[in-house]
């Protein structure tokens, strides 16, 4: 319990540093700065792999991580594969963010607020889905067949180009929400909800959060089944998935600048 708490606090500190760097430099972040930050956080994520290796190889904290089930090399291989798998499959999500912000005409200094709260929600969603997924995997053997079906469908969707159409549909979701929710087109200095004429109205920033989080859940239907096919160890899955998110805010600004 103490080990899990210590690791959780460590990961929270890393995200606090990541968000702090992005917040202070978001309005003036150059492509070089963003790439350097991205490289730094990838290095941190890979360095954590050494901790995974020694923890499983020498049965350190075995009661917390079930390390007796894997050797150090097996655990490290699974961790690195899940780490890069989650990171690469997140690129589509960044593309949706760029299109959403451009369509909603959100200035750079306000985009950080959406990215900040979007990251918090993403962390909670990833932990929940992975924890439930591992539990189902261990409890029901027929989940293997369902997982295989997800992977086959995901591969077919990529080959058929359905991912591009899905990206366009998610970008159009912002327009749908603006029409069907009580909204105010004024950004209101970064507020998510405003009160006008005695009625509460949502701002474009709130709409962006809904679209960003929805797209993350949809794209998780690709990445999480793929990660579960690599490893069924909850510690490896959660740590690799969360650490793969480090530096993604900075990488977003590279996408935004390039497009």
C-alpha atoms as a PDB file:
ATOM      1  CA  UNK A   1       0.000   0.000   0.000  1.00  0.00           C
ATOM      2  CA  UNK A   2       2.828   2.371   0.892  1.00  0.00           C
ATOM      3  CA  UNK A   3       4.623   1.537  -2.353  1.00  0.00           C
ATOM      4  CA  UNK A   4       1.559   2.225  -4.473  1.00  0.00           C
ATOM      5  CA  UNK A   5       0.991   5.532  -2.657  1.00  0.00           C
ATOM      6  CA  UNK A   6       4.611   6.588  -3.160  1.00  0.00           C
ATOM      7  CA  UNK A   7       4.506   5.764  -6.869  1.00  0.00           C
ATOM      8  CA  UNK A   8       1.177   7.559  -7.268  1.00  0.00           C
ATOM      9  CA  UNK A   9       2.573  10.690  -5.626  1.00  0.00           C
ATOM     10  CA  UNK A  10       5.661  10.484  -7.836  1.00  0.00           C
ATOM     11  CA  UNK A  11       3.586  10.284 -11.013  1.00  0.00           C
ATOM     12  CA  UNK A  12       1.387  13.164  -9.824  1.00  0.00           C
ATOM     13  CA  UNK A  13       4.516  15.272  -9.293  1.00  0.00           C
ATOM     14  CA  UNK A  14       5.722  14.470 -12.813  1.00  0.00           C
ATOM     15  CA  UNK A  15       2.401  15.569 -14.305  1.00  0.00           C
ATOM     16  CA  UNK A  16       2.470  18.735 -12.191  1.00  0.00           C
ATOM     17  CA  UNK A  17       5.905  19.584 -13.596  1.00  0.00           C
ATOM     18  CA  UNK A  18       4.782  18.778 -17.145  1.00  0.00           C
ATOM     19  CA  UNK A  19       1.671  20.951 -16.882  1.00  0.00           C
ATOM     20  CA  UNK A  20       3.632  23.713 -15.188  1.00  0.00           C
ATOM     21  CA  UNK A  21       6.176  23.846 -18.011  1.00  0.00           C
ATOM     22  CA  UNK A  22       3.439  23.894 -20.645  1.00  0.00           C
ATOM     23  CA  UNK A  23       1.398  26.515 -18.798  1.00  0.00           C
ATOM     24  CA  UNK A  24       4.182  29.063 -18.458  1.00  0.00           C
ATOM     25  CA  UNK A  25       5.409  28.652 -22.039  1.00  0.00           C
ATOM     26  CA  UNK A  26       2.218  27.771 -23.921  1.00  0.00           C
ATOM     27  CA  UNK A  27       1.793  31.191 -25.529  1.00  0.00           C
ATOM     28  CA  UNK A  28       5.427  31.335 -26.685  1.00  0.00           C
ATOM     29  CA  UNK A  29       6.318  27.656 -27.087  1.00  0.00           C
ATOM     30  CA  UNK A  30       8.456  27.092 -30.166  1.00  0.00           C
ATOM     31  CA  UNK A  31       8.671  23.835 -32.082  1.00  0.00           C
ATOM     32  CA  UNK A  32      12.206  23.329 -30.738  1.00  0.00           C
ATOM     33  CA  UNK A  33      11.041  23.841 -27.140  1.00  0.00           C
ATOM     34  CA  UNK A  34       8.132  21.434 -27.647  1.00  0.00           C
ATOM     35  CA  UNK A  35      10.366  18.777 -29.210  1.00  0.00           C
ATOM     36  CA  UNK A  36      12.915  19.120 -26.414  1.00  0.00           C
ATOM     37  CA  UNK A  37      10.189  18.741 -23.786  1.00  0.00           C
ATOM     38  CA  UNK A  38       8.767  15.752 -25.633  1.00  0.00           C
ATOM     39  CA  UNK A  39      12.179  14.097 -25.804  1.00  0.00           C
ATOM     40  CA  UNK A  40      12.757  14.768 -22.115  1.00  0.00           C
ATOM     41  CA  UNK A  41       9.465  13.175 -21.048  1.00  0.00           C
ATOM     42  CA  UNK A  42      10.006  10.168 -23.309  1.00  0.00           C
ATOM     43  CA  UNK A  43      13.374   9.721 -21.593  1.00  0.00           C
ATOM     44  CA  UNK A  44      11.674   9.869 -18.185  1.00  0.00           C
ATOM     45  CA  UNK A  45       9.135   7.268 -19.302  1.00  0.00           C
ATOM     46  CA  UNK A  46      11.850   4.942 -20.585  1.00  0.00           C
ATOM     47  CA  UNK A  47      13.952   5.475 -17.451  1.00  0.00           C
ATOM     48  CA  UNK A  48      11.005   4.214 -15.414  1.00  0.00           C
ATOM     49  CA  UNK A  49      11.430   0.993 -17.352  1.00  0.00           C
ATOM     50  CA  UNK A  50      14.612   0.291 -15.358  1.00  0.00           C
ATOM     51  CA  UNK A  51      12.563   0.484 -12.168  1.00  0.00           C
ATOM     52  CA  UNK A  52      10.070  -1.950 -13.699  1.00  0.00           C
ATOM     53  CA  UNK A  53      12.891  -4.324 -14.652  1.00  0.00           C
ATOM     54  CA  UNK A  54      14.531  -4.444 -11.229  1.00  0.00           C
ATOM     55  CA  UNK A  55      11.175  -4.587  -9.423  1.00  0.00           C
ATOM     56  CA  UNK A  56      10.141  -7.721 -11.306  1.00  0.00           C
ATOM     57  CA  UNK A  57      13.590  -9.309 -11.703  1.00  0.00           C
ATOM     58  CA  UNK A  58      14.408  -9.234  -7.989  1.00  0.00           C
ATOM     59  CA  UNK A  59      10.812  -9.493  -6.708  1.00  0.00           C
ATOM     60  CA  UNK A  60      10.920  -6.051  -5.113  1.00  0.00           C
ATOM     61  CA  UNK A  61       7.481  -5.102  -3.807  1.00  0.00           C
ATOM     62  CA  UNK A  62       6.138  -8.425  -5.175  1.00  0.00           C
ATOM     63  CA  UNK A  63       3.006  -8.182  -3.037  1.00  0.00           C
ATOM     64  CA  UNK A  64       2.106  -4.870  -4.651  1.00  0.00           C
ATOM     65  CA  UNK A  65       2.864  -5.726  -8.299  1.00  0.00           C
ATOM     66  CA  UNK A  66       2.496  -9.521  -8.605  1.00  0.00           C
ATOM     67  CA  UNK A  67       6.087  -9.468  -9.829  1.00  0.00           C
ATOM     68  CA  UNK A  68       6.521 -13.214  -9.306  1.00  0.00           C
ATOM     69  CA  UNK A  69       4.523 -13.809 -12.489  1.00  0.00           C
ATOM     70  CA  UNK A  70       7.013 -12.101 -14.802  1.00  0.00           C
ATOM     71  CA  UNK A  71      10.782 -11.930 -15.159  1.00  0.00           C
ATOM     72  CA  UNK A  72      12.500  -8.566 -15.366  1.00  0.00           C
ATOM     73  CA  UNK A  73      13.046  -8.853 -19.131  1.00  0.00           C
ATOM     74  CA  UNK A  74       9.433  -9.836 -19.750  1.00  0.00           C
ATOM     75  CA  UNK A  75       8.126  -6.977 -17.628  1.00  0.00           C
ATOM     76  CA  UNK A  76      10.445  -4.460 -19.297  1.00  0.00           C
ATOM     77  CA  UNK A  77       9.480  -5.646 -22.787  1.00  0.00           C
ATOM     78  CA  UNK A  78       5.780  -5.368 -21.968  1.00  0.00           C
ATOM     79  CA  UNK A  79       6.218  -1.935 -20.398  1.00  0.00           C
ATOM     80  CA  UNK A  80       8.150  -0.484 -23.360  1.00  0.00           C
ATOM     81  CA  UNK A  81       5.703  -1.946 -25.899  1.00  0.00           C
ATOM     82  CA  UNK A  82       2.657  -0.549 -24.079  1.00  0.00           C
ATOM     83  CA  UNK A  83       4.394   2.813 -23.560  1.00  0.00           C
ATOM     84  CA  UNK A  84       5.118   3.378 -27.254  1.00  0.00           C
ATOM     85  CA  UNK A  85       1.843   1.814 -28.365  1.00  0.00           C
ATOM     86  CA  UNK A  86      -0.176   4.253 -26.254  1.00  0.00           C
ATOM     87  CA  UNK A  87       1.960   7.179 -27.342  1.00  0.00           C
ATOM     88  CA  UNK A  88       1.749   6.493 -31.068  1.00  0.00           C
ATOM     89  CA  UNK A  89      -1.996   5.846 -30.987  1.00  0.00           C
ATOM     90  CA  UNK A  90      -2.485   9.200 -29.209  1.00  0.00           C
ATOM     91  CA  UNK A  91      -1.441  11.129 -32.323  1.00  0.00           C
ATOM     92  CA  UNK A  92      -4.936  10.894 -33.818  1.00  0.00           C
ATOM     93  CA  UNK A  93      -6.316  12.414 -30.640  1.00  0.00           C
ATOM     94  CA  UNK A  94      -3.914  15.352 -30.920  1.00  0.00           C
ATOM     95  CA  UNK A  95      -5.077  15.904 -34.482  1.00  0.00           C
ATOM     96  CA  UNK A  96      -8.701  16.090 -33.298  1.00  0.00           C
ATOM     97  CA  UNK A  97      -7.692  18.639 -30.643  1.00  0.00           C
ATOM     98  CA  UNK A  98      -6.030  20.846 -33.252  1.00  0.00           C
ATOM     99  CA  UNK A  99      -9.072  20.762 -35.537  1.00  0.00           C
ATOM    100  CA  UNK A 100     -11.433  21.445 -32.641  1.00  0.00           C
ATOM    101  CA  UNK A 101      -9.488  24.455 -31.381  1.00  0.00           C
ATOM    102  CA  UNK A 102      -9.155  25.863 -34.891  1.00  0.00           C
ATOM    103  CA  UNK A 103     -12.860  25.484 -35.603  1.00  0.00           C
ATOM    104  CA  UNK A 104     -13.863  27.008 -32.257  1.00  0.00           C
ATOM    105  CA  UNK A 105     -11.250  29.774 -32.694  1.00  0.00           C
ATOM    106  CA  UNK A 106      -9.759  29.227 -29.238  1.00  0.00           C
ATOM    107  CA  UNK A 107      -6.645  31.406 -28.662  1.00  0.00           C
ATOM    108  CA  UNK A 108      -3.443  29.699 -27.560  1.00  0.00           C
ATOM    109  CA  UNK A 109      -3.438  31.157 -24.047  1.00  0.00           C
ATOM    110  CA  UNK A 110      -6.881  29.603 -23.387  1.00  0.00           C
ATOM    111  CA  UNK A 111      -6.137  26.259 -25.002  1.00  0.00           C
ATOM    112  CA  UNK A 112      -4.053  25.369 -21.969  1.00  0.00           C
ATOM    113  CA  UNK A 113      -7.157  25.339 -19.737  1.00  0.00           C
ATOM    114  CA  UNK A 114      -8.837  22.764 -21.957  1.00  0.00           C
ATOM    115  CA  UNK A 115      -5.667  20.675 -22.145  1.00  0.00           C
ATOM    116  CA  UNK A 116      -5.253  20.859 -18.355  1.00  0.00           C
ATOM    117  CA  UNK A 117      -8.726  19.644 -17.433  1.00  0.00           C
ATOM    118  CA  UNK A 118      -8.773  17.274 -20.393  1.00  0.00           C
ATOM    119  CA  UNK A 119      -5.604  15.621 -19.094  1.00  0.00           C
ATOM    120  CA  UNK A 120      -7.085  15.132 -15.627  1.00  0.00           C
ATOM    121  CA  UNK A 121     -10.189  13.498 -17.084  1.00  0.00           C
ATOM    122  CA  UNK A 122      -8.051  11.378 -19.406  1.00  0.00           C
ATOM    123  CA  UNK A 123      -6.003  10.064 -16.479  1.00  0.00           C
ATOM    124  CA  UNK A 124      -9.151   9.090 -14.572  1.00  0.00           C
ATOM    125  CA  UNK A 125     -10.669   7.428 -17.646  1.00  0.00           C
ATOM    126  CA  UNK A 126      -7.491   5.464 -18.453  1.00  0.00           C
ATOM    127  CA  UNK A 127      -7.090   4.184 -14.884  1.00  0.00           C
ATOM    128  CA  UNK A 128     -10.758   3.162 -14.711  1.00  0.00           C
ATOM    129  CA  UNK A 129     -10.872   1.392 -18.084  1.00  0.00           C
ATOM    130  CA  UNK A 130      -7.550  -0.415 -17.591  1.00  0.00           C
ATOM    131  CA  UNK A 131      -8.444  -1.546 -14.069  1.00  0.00           C
ATOM    132  CA  UNK A 132     -11.836  -2.840 -15.197  1.00  0.00           C
ATOM    133  CA  UNK A 133     -10.286  -4.398 -18.307  1.00  0.00           C
ATOM    134  CA  UNK A 134      -7.688  -6.348 -16.325  1.00  0.00           C
ATOM    135  CA  UNK A 135     -10.334  -7.510 -13.850  1.00  0.00           C
ATOM    136  CA  UNK A 136     -12.568  -8.778 -16.654  1.00  0.00           C
ATOM    137  CA  UNK A 137      -9.593 -10.389 -18.387  1.00  0.00           C
ATOM    138  CA  UNK A 138      -8.693 -12.339 -15.247  1.00  0.00           C
ATOM    139  CA  UNK A 139     -12.295 -13.287 -14.419  1.00  0.00           C
ATOM    140  CA  UNK A 140     -13.665 -14.287 -17.832  1.00  0.00           C
ATOM    141  CA  UNK A 141     -11.622 -16.266 -20.366  1.00  0.00           C
ATOM    142  CA  UNK A 142     -14.065 -15.414 -23.150  1.00  0.00           C
ATOM    143  CA  UNK A 143     -12.743 -11.844 -22.954  1.00  0.00           C
ATOM    144  CA  UNK A 144      -9.783 -13.102 -25.018  1.00  0.00           C
ATOM    145  CA  UNK A 145     -12.097 -13.636 -27.991  1.00  0.00           C
ATOM    146  CA  UNK A 146     -13.730 -10.241 -27.520  1.00  0.00           C
ATOM    147  CA  UNK A 147     -10.315  -8.598 -27.361  1.00  0.00           C
ATOM    148  CA  UNK A 148      -9.281 -10.372 -30.550  1.00  0.00           C
ATOM    149  CA  UNK A 149     -12.431  -9.099 -32.260  1.00  0.00           C
ATOM    150  CA  UNK A 150     -11.600  -5.528 -31.188  1.00  0.00           C
ATOM    151  CA  UNK A 151      -8.080  -5.830 -32.601  1.00  0.00           C
ATOM    152  CA  UNK A 152      -9.301  -7.257 -35.908  1.00  0.00           C
ATOM    153  CA  UNK A 153     -11.920  -4.532 -36.212  1.00  0.00           C
ATOM    154  CA  UNK A 154      -9.344  -1.846 -35.378  1.00  0.00           C
ATOM    155  CA  UNK A 155      -6.975  -3.192 -38.044  1.00  0.00           C
ATOM    156  CA  UNK A 156      -9.760  -3.301 -40.625  1.00  0.00           C
ATOM    157  CA  UNK A 157     -10.768   0.263 -39.754  1.00  0.00           C
ATOM    158  CA  UNK A 158      -7.209   1.519 -40.306  1.00  0.00           C
ATOM    159  CA  UNK A 159      -6.875  -0.313 -43.630  1.00  0.00           C
ATOM    160  CA  UNK A 160     -10.277   0.871 -44.846  1.00  0.00           C
ATOM    161  CA  UNK A 161      -9.557   4.468 -43.835  1.00  0.00           C
ATOM    162  CA  UNK A 162     -12.453   4.624 -41.387  1.00  0.00           C
ATOM    163  CA  UNK A 163     -10.281   6.405 -38.814  1.00  0.00           C
ATOM    164  CA  UNK A 164     -10.141   9.516 -41.000  1.00  0.00           C
ATOM    165  CA  UNK A 165     -13.926   9.608 -41.322  1.00  0.00           C
ATOM    166  CA  UNK A 166     -14.273   9.132 -37.593  1.00  0.00           C
ATOM    167  CA  UNK A 167     -11.928  12.077 -37.013  1.00  0.00           C
ATOM    168  CA  UNK A 168     -14.116  14.260 -39.238  1.00  0.00           C
ATOM    169  CA  UNK A 169     -17.233  13.155 -37.369  1.00  0.00           C
ATOM    170  CA  UNK A 170     -15.699  14.033 -34.014  1.00  0.00           C
ATOM    171  CA  UNK A 171     -14.653  17.430 -35.321  1.00  0.00           C
ATOM    172  CA  UNK A 172     -18.260  18.064 -36.378  1.00  0.00           C
ATOM    173  CA  UNK A 173     -19.432  17.115 -32.892  1.00  0.00           C
ATOM    174  CA  UNK A 174     -18.496  20.593 -31.664  1.00  0.00           C
ATOM    175  CA  UNK A 175     -20.943  22.181 -34.093  1.00  0.00           C
ATOM    176  CA  UNK A 176     -23.668  19.768 -32.997  1.00  0.00           C
ATOM    177  CA  UNK A 177     -23.162  20.597 -29.320  1.00  0.00           C
ATOM    178  CA  UNK A 178     -23.135  24.332 -30.022  1.00  0.00           C
ATOM    179  CA  UNK A 179     -26.533  24.007 -31.687  1.00  0.00           C
ATOM    180  CA  UNK A 180     -28.205  21.768 -29.107  1.00  0.00           C
ATOM    181  CA  UNK A 181     -26.779  23.105 -25.838  1.00  0.00           C
ATOM    182  CA  UNK A 182     -27.404  26.563 -24.335  1.00  0.00           C
ATOM    183  CA  UNK A 183     -24.149  28.201 -25.342  1.00  0.00           C
ATOM    184  CA  UNK A 184     -22.615  31.636 -25.475  1.00  0.00           C
ATOM    185  CA  UNK A 185     -20.073  32.307 -28.218  1.00  0.00           C
ATOM    186  CA  UNK A 186     -18.131  34.695 -25.978  1.00  0.00           C
ATOM    187  CA  UNK A 187     -15.051  33.068 -24.442  1.00  0.00           C
ATOM    188  CA  UNK A 188     -15.639  35.096 -21.233  1.00  0.00           C
ATOM    189  CA  UNK A 189     -11.978  35.217 -20.191  1.00  0.00           C
ATOM    190  CA  UNK A 190     -11.554  31.465 -19.960  1.00  0.00           C
ATOM    191  CA  UNK A 191     -14.749  30.582 -18.093  1.00  0.00           C
ATOM    192  CA  UNK A 192     -16.588  27.340 -18.852  1.00  0.00           C
ATOM    193  CA  UNK A 193     -20.047  28.452 -17.724  1.00  0.00           C
ATOM    194  CA  UNK A 194     -21.527  31.969 -17.674  1.00  0.00           C
ATOM    195  CA  UNK A 195     -24.822  33.374 -16.491  1.00  0.00           C
ATOM    196  CA  UNK A 196     -26.657  35.713 -18.866  1.00  0.00           C
ATOM    197  CA  UNK A 197     -30.198  37.005 -18.495  1.00  0.00           C
ATOM    198  CA  UNK A 198     -30.714  34.682 -15.542  1.00  0.00           C
ATOM    199  CA  UNK A 199     -29.746  31.560 -17.544  1.00  0.00           C
ATOM    200  CA  UNK A 200     -26.614  29.427 -17.379  1.00  0.00           C
ATOM    201  CA  UNK A 201     -24.826  29.026 -20.687  1.00  0.00           C
ATOM    202  CA  UNK A 202     -21.796  27.008 -21.738  1.00  0.00           C
ATOM    203  CA  UNK A 203     -18.823  28.688 -23.391  1.00  0.00           C
ATOM    204  CA  UNK A 204     -16.820  27.283 -26.336  1.00  0.00           C
ATOM    205  CA  UNK A 205     -14.164  26.133 -23.843  1.00  0.00           C
ATOM    206  CA  UNK A 206     -16.641  23.760 -22.205  1.00  0.00           C
ATOM    207  CA  UNK A 207     -17.660  22.429 -25.616  1.00  0.00           C
ATOM    208  CA  UNK A 208     -14.004  21.799 -26.398  1.00  0.00           C
ATOM    209  CA  UNK A 209     -13.549  19.794 -23.187  1.00  0.00           C
ATOM    210  CA  UNK A 210     -16.525  17.589 -24.094  1.00  0.00           C
ATOM    211  CA  UNK A 211     -15.174  16.973 -27.604  1.00  0.00           C
ATOM    212  CA  UNK A 212     -11.620  16.313 -26.391  1.00  0.00           C
ATOM    213  CA  UNK A 213     -12.753  13.859 -23.717  1.00  0.00           C
ATOM    214  CA  UNK A 214     -15.167  12.111 -26.059  1.00  0.00           C
ATOM    215  CA  UNK A 215     -12.449  11.681 -28.651  1.00  0.00           C
ATOM    216  CA  UNK A 216     -10.095  10.286 -26.000  1.00  0.00           C
ATOM    217  CA  UNK A 217     -12.668   7.668 -24.991  1.00  0.00           C
ATOM    218  CA  UNK A 218     -13.278   6.726 -28.629  1.00  0.00           C
ATOM    219  CA  UNK A 219      -9.581   6.450 -29.423  1.00  0.00           C
ATOM    220  CA  UNK A 220      -9.133   4.396 -26.246  1.00  0.00           C
ATOM    221  CA  UNK A 221     -11.184   1.716 -28.001  1.00  0.00           C
ATOM    222  CA  UNK A 222      -8.096   1.234 -30.192  1.00  0.00           C
ATOM    223  CA  UNK A 223      -5.232   1.696 -27.755  1.00  0.00           C
ATOM    224  CA  UNK A 224      -6.490  -0.087 -24.644  1.00  0.00           C
ATOM    225  CA  UNK A 225      -7.446  -3.414 -26.333  1.00  0.00           C
ATOM    226  CA  UNK A 226      -4.069  -3.316 -28.077  1.00  0.00           C
ATOM    227  CA  UNK A 227      -2.311  -2.718 -24.735  1.00  0.00           C
ATOM    228  CA  UNK A 228      -4.242  -5.565 -23.093  1.00  0.00           C
ATOM    229  CA  UNK A 229      -3.029  -7.858 -25.854  1.00  0.00           C
ATOM    230  CA  UNK A 230       0.548  -7.021 -24.841  1.00  0.00           C
ATOM    231  CA  UNK A 231       0.214  -7.283 -21.057  1.00  0.00           C
ATOM    232  CA  UNK A 232      -2.365  -8.227 -18.453  1.00  0.00           C
ATOM    233  CA  UNK A 233      -0.373  -6.842 -15.518  1.00  0.00           C
ATOM    234  CA  UNK A 234      -2.258  -3.908 -14.025  1.00  0.00           C
ATOM    235  CA  UNK A 235       0.859  -2.119 -12.761  1.00  0.00           C
ATOM    236  CA  UNK A 236       2.576  -2.257 -16.152  1.00  0.00           C
ATOM    237  CA  UNK A 237      -0.528  -1.189 -18.043  1.00  0.00           C
ATOM    238  CA  UNK A 238      -1.430   1.751 -15.804  1.00  0.00           C
ATOM    239  CA  UNK A 239       2.114   3.074 -15.366  1.00  0.00           C
ATOM    240  CA  UNK A 240       2.986   2.800 -19.075  1.00  0.00           C
ATOM    241  CA  UNK A 241      -0.319   4.334 -20.152  1.00  0.00           C
ATOM    242  CA  UNK A 242      -0.048   7.287 -17.757  1.00  0.00           C
ATOM    243  CA  UNK A 243       3.636   7.991 -18.372  1.00  0.00           C
ATOM    244  CA  UNK A 244       3.008   7.924 -22.131  1.00  0.00           C
ATOM    245  CA  UNK A 245       0.814  11.007 -21.600  1.00  0.00           C
ATOM    246  CA  UNK A 246       3.739  13.037 -20.261  1.00  0.00           C
ATOM    247  CA  UNK A 247       4.809  15.684 -22.759  1.00  0.00           C
ATOM    248  CA  UNK A 248       1.732  15.223 -24.941  1.00  0.00           C
ATOM    249  CA  UNK A 249       0.602  18.805 -24.216  1.00  0.00           C
ATOM    250  CA  UNK A 250       3.901  20.091 -25.580  1.00  0.00           C
ATOM    251  CA  UNK A 251       3.651  17.752 -28.570  1.00  0.00           C
ATOM    252  CA  UNK A 252       0.183  19.152 -29.223  1.00  0.00           C
ATOM    253  CA  UNK A 253       1.692  22.591 -29.856  1.00  0.00           C
ATOM    254  CA  UNK A 254       4.023  21.015 -32.436  1.00  0.00           C
ATOM    255  CA  UNK A 255       0.956  19.647 -34.270  1.00  0.00           C
ATOM    256  CA  UNK A 256      -0.843  22.986 -33.926  1.00  0.00           C
ATOM    257  CA  UNK A 257       2.116  24.921 -35.337  1.00  0.00           C
ATOM    258  CA  UNK A 258       2.664  22.458 -38.195  1.00  0.00           C
ATOM    259  CA  UNK A 259      -1.007  22.582 -39.235  1.00  0.00           C
END
